[in-house]
Structures are given as structure tokens and as C-alpha cells.
N, C-alpha and C. Protein backbone atom coordinates (compact mmCIF):
# COMPACT_ATOMS: atom_id res chain seq x y z
N MET A 1 88.52 115.57 64.37
CA MET A 1 88.57 114.89 65.66
C MET A 1 88.29 113.41 65.43
N ASP A 2 89.13 112.54 65.97
CA ASP A 2 88.92 111.11 65.76
C ASP A 2 88.10 110.50 66.90
N PHE A 3 87.67 109.29 66.69
CA PHE A 3 86.81 108.59 67.64
C PHE A 3 87.47 108.44 69.00
N GLU A 4 88.78 108.23 69.02
CA GLU A 4 89.51 108.00 70.27
C GLU A 4 89.51 109.24 71.17
N THR A 5 89.59 110.42 70.59
CA THR A 5 89.70 111.64 71.38
C THR A 5 88.40 112.44 71.46
N GLN A 6 87.35 111.96 70.82
CA GLN A 6 86.08 112.66 70.88
C GLN A 6 85.47 112.52 72.27
N ALA A 7 85.25 113.64 72.94
CA ALA A 7 84.74 113.64 74.31
C ALA A 7 83.22 113.49 74.29
N VAL A 8 82.75 112.31 74.68
CA VAL A 8 81.32 112.04 74.58
C VAL A 8 80.68 111.57 75.88
N TYR A 9 81.46 111.05 76.81
CA TYR A 9 80.89 110.44 78.01
C TYR A 9 80.77 111.42 79.16
N VAL A 10 79.60 111.47 79.79
CA VAL A 10 79.45 112.25 81.02
C VAL A 10 80.16 111.49 82.13
N ILE A 11 80.38 112.15 83.25
CA ILE A 11 81.20 111.58 84.31
C ILE A 11 80.64 110.26 84.85
N SER A 12 79.32 110.13 84.95
CA SER A 12 78.75 108.89 85.49
C SER A 12 79.03 107.71 84.57
N VAL A 13 78.94 107.93 83.27
CA VAL A 13 79.20 106.86 82.30
C VAL A 13 80.70 106.54 82.28
N ALA A 14 81.53 107.57 82.29
CA ALA A 14 82.98 107.36 82.29
C ALA A 14 83.40 106.58 83.53
N ALA A 15 82.83 106.94 84.68
CA ALA A 15 83.16 106.25 85.93
C ALA A 15 82.75 104.78 85.84
N GLU A 16 81.59 104.52 85.29
CA GLU A 16 81.13 103.13 85.15
C GLU A 16 82.04 102.35 84.20
N LEU A 17 82.41 102.96 83.09
CA LEU A 17 83.29 102.29 82.13
C LEU A 17 84.66 101.99 82.73
N ALA A 18 85.12 102.88 83.61
CA ALA A 18 86.44 102.70 84.24
C ALA A 18 86.36 101.88 85.53
N GLY A 19 85.14 101.58 85.98
CA GLY A 19 84.98 100.82 87.21
C GLY A 19 85.33 101.62 88.45
N MET A 20 85.02 102.91 88.41
CA MET A 20 85.36 103.82 89.52
C MET A 20 84.13 104.62 89.93
N HIS A 21 84.24 105.27 91.07
CA HIS A 21 83.20 106.18 91.53
C HIS A 21 83.43 107.54 90.86
N PRO A 22 82.37 108.26 90.52
CA PRO A 22 82.54 109.57 89.89
C PRO A 22 83.43 110.53 90.70
N GLN A 23 83.35 110.44 92.02
CA GLN A 23 84.18 111.32 92.85
C GLN A 23 85.67 111.02 92.64
N THR A 24 85.99 109.76 92.38
CA THR A 24 87.38 109.39 92.12
C THR A 24 87.88 110.09 90.86
N LEU A 25 87.03 110.18 89.84
CA LEU A 25 87.41 110.87 88.62
C LEU A 25 87.66 112.35 88.88
N ARG A 26 86.85 112.94 89.75
CA ARG A 26 87.05 114.36 90.10
C ARG A 26 88.38 114.55 90.82
N ILE A 27 88.72 113.63 91.71
CA ILE A 27 89.99 113.69 92.43
C ILE A 27 91.15 113.58 91.44
N TYR A 28 91.05 112.63 90.52
CA TYR A 28 92.11 112.46 89.52
C TYR A 28 92.27 113.71 88.66
N GLU A 29 91.16 114.37 88.36
CA GLU A 29 91.24 115.60 87.58
C GLU A 29 91.95 116.69 88.40
N ARG A 30 91.58 116.84 89.67
CA ARG A 30 92.23 117.85 90.52
C ARG A 30 93.72 117.60 90.65
N ARG A 31 94.12 116.32 90.65
CA ARG A 31 95.53 115.96 90.78
C ARG A 31 96.28 116.02 89.45
N GLY A 32 95.56 116.32 88.37
CA GLY A 32 96.20 116.45 87.07
C GLY A 32 96.47 115.13 86.36
N LEU A 33 95.80 114.06 86.80
CA LEU A 33 96.02 112.75 86.18
C LEU A 33 95.19 112.56 84.92
N VAL A 34 94.10 113.27 84.82
CA VAL A 34 93.24 113.19 83.64
C VAL A 34 92.64 114.59 83.42
N GLN A 35 92.50 114.99 82.16
CA GLN A 35 91.95 116.30 81.84
C GLN A 35 90.79 116.14 80.86
N PRO A 36 89.59 115.87 81.38
CA PRO A 36 88.46 115.73 80.47
C PRO A 36 88.09 117.07 79.84
N ALA A 37 87.46 117.00 78.69
CA ALA A 37 86.97 118.21 78.04
C ALA A 37 85.78 118.74 78.85
N ARG A 38 85.42 119.96 78.59
CA ARG A 38 84.26 120.58 79.26
C ARG A 38 83.25 121.03 78.21
N THR A 39 82.00 121.08 78.62
CA THR A 39 80.97 121.60 77.72
C THR A 39 81.20 123.10 77.53
N ALA A 40 80.47 123.69 76.59
CA ALA A 40 80.66 125.10 76.25
C ALA A 40 80.60 126.01 77.48
N GLY A 41 79.69 125.74 78.38
CA GLY A 41 79.58 126.55 79.59
C GLY A 41 80.61 126.20 80.64
N GLY A 42 81.34 125.11 80.41
CA GLY A 42 82.37 124.68 81.35
C GLY A 42 81.84 123.96 82.56
N LYS A 43 80.56 123.67 82.58
CA LYS A 43 79.95 123.05 83.76
C LYS A 43 80.12 121.53 83.80
N GLN A 44 80.01 120.88 82.65
CA GLN A 44 80.04 119.42 82.64
C GLN A 44 81.31 118.89 82.00
N ARG A 45 81.83 117.83 82.61
CA ARG A 45 82.99 117.14 82.06
C ARG A 45 82.52 116.19 80.96
N ARG A 46 83.36 116.02 79.96
CA ARG A 46 83.10 115.04 78.91
C ARG A 46 84.37 114.23 78.71
N TYR A 47 84.25 112.93 78.82
CA TYR A 47 85.39 112.03 78.74
C TYR A 47 85.42 111.32 77.39
N SER A 48 86.61 111.12 76.87
CA SER A 48 86.81 110.42 75.60
C SER A 48 87.25 108.98 75.87
N ASN A 49 87.34 108.19 74.82
CA ASN A 49 87.87 106.83 74.96
C ASN A 49 89.32 106.87 75.45
N ALA A 50 90.08 107.86 75.00
CA ALA A 50 91.46 108.00 75.47
C ALA A 50 91.49 108.30 76.97
N ASP A 51 90.55 109.12 77.45
CA ASP A 51 90.46 109.40 78.89
C ASP A 51 90.13 108.12 79.66
N ILE A 52 89.22 107.31 79.12
CA ILE A 52 88.85 106.05 79.78
C ILE A 52 90.07 105.14 79.86
N ALA A 53 90.82 105.05 78.77
CA ALA A 53 92.04 104.23 78.77
C ALA A 53 93.03 104.74 79.82
N GLN A 54 93.12 106.05 79.95
CA GLN A 54 94.01 106.65 80.94
C GLN A 54 93.53 106.31 82.36
N LEU A 55 92.24 106.35 82.59
CA LEU A 55 91.69 105.99 83.90
C LEU A 55 91.98 104.53 84.23
N LEU A 56 91.87 103.67 83.23
CA LEU A 56 92.18 102.25 83.45
C LEU A 56 93.66 102.06 83.77
N ARG A 57 94.53 102.84 83.13
CA ARG A 57 95.97 102.78 83.43
C ARG A 57 96.23 103.25 84.86
N ILE A 58 95.55 104.31 85.28
CA ILE A 58 95.68 104.80 86.66
C ILE A 58 95.27 103.71 87.63
N ALA A 59 94.14 103.05 87.36
CA ALA A 59 93.66 101.98 88.24
C ALA A 59 94.67 100.84 88.30
N GLN A 60 95.27 100.51 87.17
CA GLN A 60 96.27 99.44 87.11
C GLN A 60 97.47 99.78 87.98
N LEU A 61 97.94 101.00 87.90
CA LEU A 61 99.10 101.42 88.70
C LEU A 61 98.74 101.51 90.18
N ALA A 62 97.54 101.98 90.49
CA ALA A 62 97.10 102.06 91.88
C ALA A 62 96.97 100.67 92.49
N GLU A 63 96.54 99.72 91.67
CA GLU A 63 96.35 98.35 92.14
C GLU A 63 97.66 97.70 92.59
N ILE A 64 98.77 98.11 92.00
CA ILE A 64 100.06 97.55 92.41
C ILE A 64 100.69 98.34 93.55
N GLY A 65 99.92 99.30 94.09
CA GLY A 65 100.36 100.01 95.28
C GLY A 65 100.99 101.36 95.06
N MET A 66 100.92 101.88 93.86
CA MET A 66 101.53 103.18 93.58
C MET A 66 100.62 104.31 94.05
N ASN A 67 101.21 105.33 94.68
CA ASN A 67 100.41 106.47 95.11
C ASN A 67 100.17 107.42 93.93
N LEU A 68 99.31 108.41 94.14
CA LEU A 68 98.90 109.28 93.02
C LEU A 68 100.06 110.08 92.44
N GLU A 69 100.98 110.53 93.28
CA GLU A 69 102.14 111.26 92.76
C GLU A 69 103.02 110.34 91.91
N GLY A 70 103.20 109.12 92.36
CA GLY A 70 103.97 108.14 91.58
C GLY A 70 103.29 107.85 90.25
N ILE A 71 101.98 107.72 90.29
CA ILE A 71 101.21 107.48 89.06
C ILE A 71 101.39 108.65 88.10
N ARG A 72 101.30 109.88 88.63
CA ARG A 72 101.46 111.07 87.79
C ARG A 72 102.84 111.07 87.12
N GLN A 73 103.86 110.72 87.89
CA GLN A 73 105.22 110.70 87.34
C GLN A 73 105.39 109.61 86.29
N VAL A 74 104.86 108.42 86.56
CA VAL A 74 104.94 107.32 85.59
C VAL A 74 104.24 107.71 84.29
N MET A 75 103.06 108.29 84.41
CA MET A 75 102.31 108.66 83.21
C MET A 75 103.03 109.76 82.43
N ALA A 76 103.64 110.70 83.13
CA ALA A 76 104.41 111.75 82.44
C ALA A 76 105.60 111.14 81.71
N LEU A 77 106.26 110.18 82.34
CA LEU A 77 107.40 109.51 81.70
C LEU A 77 106.95 108.68 80.50
N GLU A 78 105.79 108.04 80.60
CA GLU A 78 105.27 107.27 79.47
C GLU A 78 105.00 108.18 78.27
N ILE A 79 104.47 109.36 78.53
CA ILE A 79 104.22 110.33 77.45
C ILE A 79 105.54 110.78 76.85
N GLU A 80 106.53 111.04 77.71
CA GLU A 80 107.85 111.47 77.23
C GLU A 80 108.51 110.38 76.38
N VAL A 81 108.42 109.13 76.83
CA VAL A 81 109.01 108.01 76.08
C VAL A 81 108.34 107.89 74.72
N ALA A 82 107.02 108.01 74.68
CA ALA A 82 106.30 107.91 73.40
C ALA A 82 106.74 109.02 72.45
N ALA A 83 106.91 110.23 72.98
CA ALA A 83 107.36 111.35 72.14
C ALA A 83 108.78 111.12 71.63
N LEU A 84 109.65 110.60 72.49
CA LEU A 84 111.03 110.33 72.08
C LEU A 84 111.09 109.22 71.04
N LYS A 85 110.25 108.19 71.19
CA LYS A 85 110.20 107.12 70.19
C LYS A 85 109.77 107.67 68.83
N LYS A 86 108.80 108.57 68.86
CA LYS A 86 108.33 109.19 67.62
C LYS A 86 109.45 110.02 66.99
N GLU A 87 110.19 110.74 67.82
CA GLU A 87 111.30 111.56 67.32
C GLU A 87 112.40 110.68 66.72
N VAL A 88 112.71 109.56 67.38
CA VAL A 88 113.72 108.63 66.86
C VAL A 88 113.29 108.09 65.51
N LYS A 89 112.02 107.73 65.40
CA LYS A 89 111.50 107.20 64.13
C LYS A 89 111.63 108.25 63.02
N THR A 90 111.30 109.49 63.34
CA THR A 90 111.43 110.58 62.37
C THR A 90 112.88 110.77 61.95
N LEU A 91 113.78 110.76 62.92
CA LEU A 91 115.21 110.94 62.61
C LEU A 91 115.75 109.77 61.79
N GLN A 92 115.29 108.55 62.09
CA GLN A 92 115.72 107.39 61.30
C GLN A 92 115.25 107.52 59.86
N HIS A 93 114.03 107.99 59.70
CA HIS A 93 113.49 108.19 58.35
C HIS A 93 114.30 109.26 57.61
N GLN A 94 114.61 110.36 58.30
CA GLN A 94 115.40 111.43 57.68
C GLN A 94 116.79 110.93 57.31
N LEU A 95 117.39 110.13 58.17
CA LEU A 95 118.72 109.58 57.89
C LEU A 95 118.67 108.66 56.68
N ALA A 96 117.67 107.80 56.63
CA ALA A 96 117.54 106.89 55.50
C ALA A 96 117.34 107.68 54.21
N GLN A 97 116.53 108.72 54.28
CA GLN A 97 116.28 109.55 53.10
C GLN A 97 117.55 110.27 52.67
N SER A 98 118.27 110.80 53.64
CA SER A 98 119.52 111.51 53.35
C SER A 98 120.56 110.57 52.74
N THR A 99 120.65 109.36 53.29
CA THR A 99 121.58 108.37 52.77
C THR A 99 121.21 107.99 51.34
N ALA A 100 119.93 107.80 51.08
CA ALA A 100 119.47 107.46 49.73
C ALA A 100 119.76 108.61 48.77
N ASP A 101 119.53 109.84 49.22
CA ASP A 101 119.80 111.01 48.37
C ASP A 101 121.28 111.10 48.04
N THR A 102 122.13 110.87 49.04
CA THR A 102 123.58 110.95 48.84
C THR A 102 124.04 109.86 47.87
N SER A 103 123.52 108.65 48.05
CA SER A 103 123.89 107.54 47.17
C SER A 103 123.50 107.84 45.73
N THR A 104 122.32 108.38 45.55
CA THR A 104 121.84 108.70 44.21
C THR A 104 122.65 109.84 43.60
N ARG A 105 122.94 110.85 44.39
CA ARG A 105 123.65 112.02 43.90
C ARG A 105 125.06 111.66 43.44
N PHE A 106 125.74 110.81 44.18
CA PHE A 106 127.12 110.47 43.84
C PHE A 106 127.25 109.14 43.10
N GLY A 107 126.14 108.52 42.77
CA GLY A 107 126.18 107.27 42.03
C GLY A 107 126.83 106.14 42.81
N LEU A 108 126.69 106.17 44.13
CA LEU A 108 127.31 105.13 44.96
C LEU A 108 126.50 103.85 44.91
N VAL A 109 127.20 102.76 44.97
CA VAL A 109 126.56 101.45 45.00
C VAL A 109 126.78 100.88 46.39
N PRO A 110 125.72 100.44 47.06
CA PRO A 110 125.89 99.92 48.42
C PRO A 110 126.73 98.64 48.42
N LEU A 111 127.54 98.47 49.47
CA LEU A 111 128.33 97.25 49.63
C LEU A 111 127.40 96.08 49.89
N ARG A 112 127.80 94.92 49.39
CA ARG A 112 127.03 93.72 49.68
C ARG A 112 127.19 93.38 51.13
N GLN A 113 126.10 93.02 51.74
CA GLN A 113 126.17 92.63 53.14
C GLN A 113 126.47 91.15 53.22
N SER A 114 127.44 90.80 54.04
CA SER A 114 127.77 89.37 54.19
C SER A 114 126.75 88.72 55.10
N VAL A 115 126.53 87.44 54.87
CA VAL A 115 125.52 86.70 55.62
C VAL A 115 126.11 86.10 56.85
């Protein structure tokens, strides 16, 4: 577990770090905007630095007038875009590797690129 995702903050500390009231964090959790970890008994929420960053992003979107459903959709799209960017990077790497393998296998020499 890395420092960014380690759930260490109780709700009062997380709320203070995010500049929000603890009840606001509970509302965001009920709406599915943030999913803090829970203690073993499931009674207490524990927030990570990633959760705090997410709360700050929610506040930023709310400040420009976006409602909670809009915020939820924007955040879902941001996650999807990040996943797609990662997939594109992986595919580009695979293509480069495949091209290099093909060039090596057939003894091809790359064309000079004109300036």
C-alpha cells in the first residue's frame, strides 16, 4: 500500500483538510462521490490522501456551479479517460515492440526521415 492510498485520516481531520464539514463528507459518500475505507468493525471511516484530493476536486466542481450528479458524471469520465490513456500508452508500447521485433527478424533498415 502506498502513501497516497493509505487510509489514515478520521472524518474530522479529512473534513478539515478538504475545508468541508464532516456531514458534507458523509453526503458525498452516500452519493457515491467518495468511498473512504472503513475500520475493521466498519464503524469509522478512514480517508487517504487520494480521497482528500478527490474531495478537493468535488469542491472545485461545485464552486463553478455543478450539481452532485454532474460532479459524479465528470469524475466517472475523468477515471475513464485516465484508463483509456493508460491503454493507449500500453498499445503504443506493444506496437513499438512489435515493429522493432519485425525489423530485427527480417533485417529491415528504417527509412531515413527527411527534415
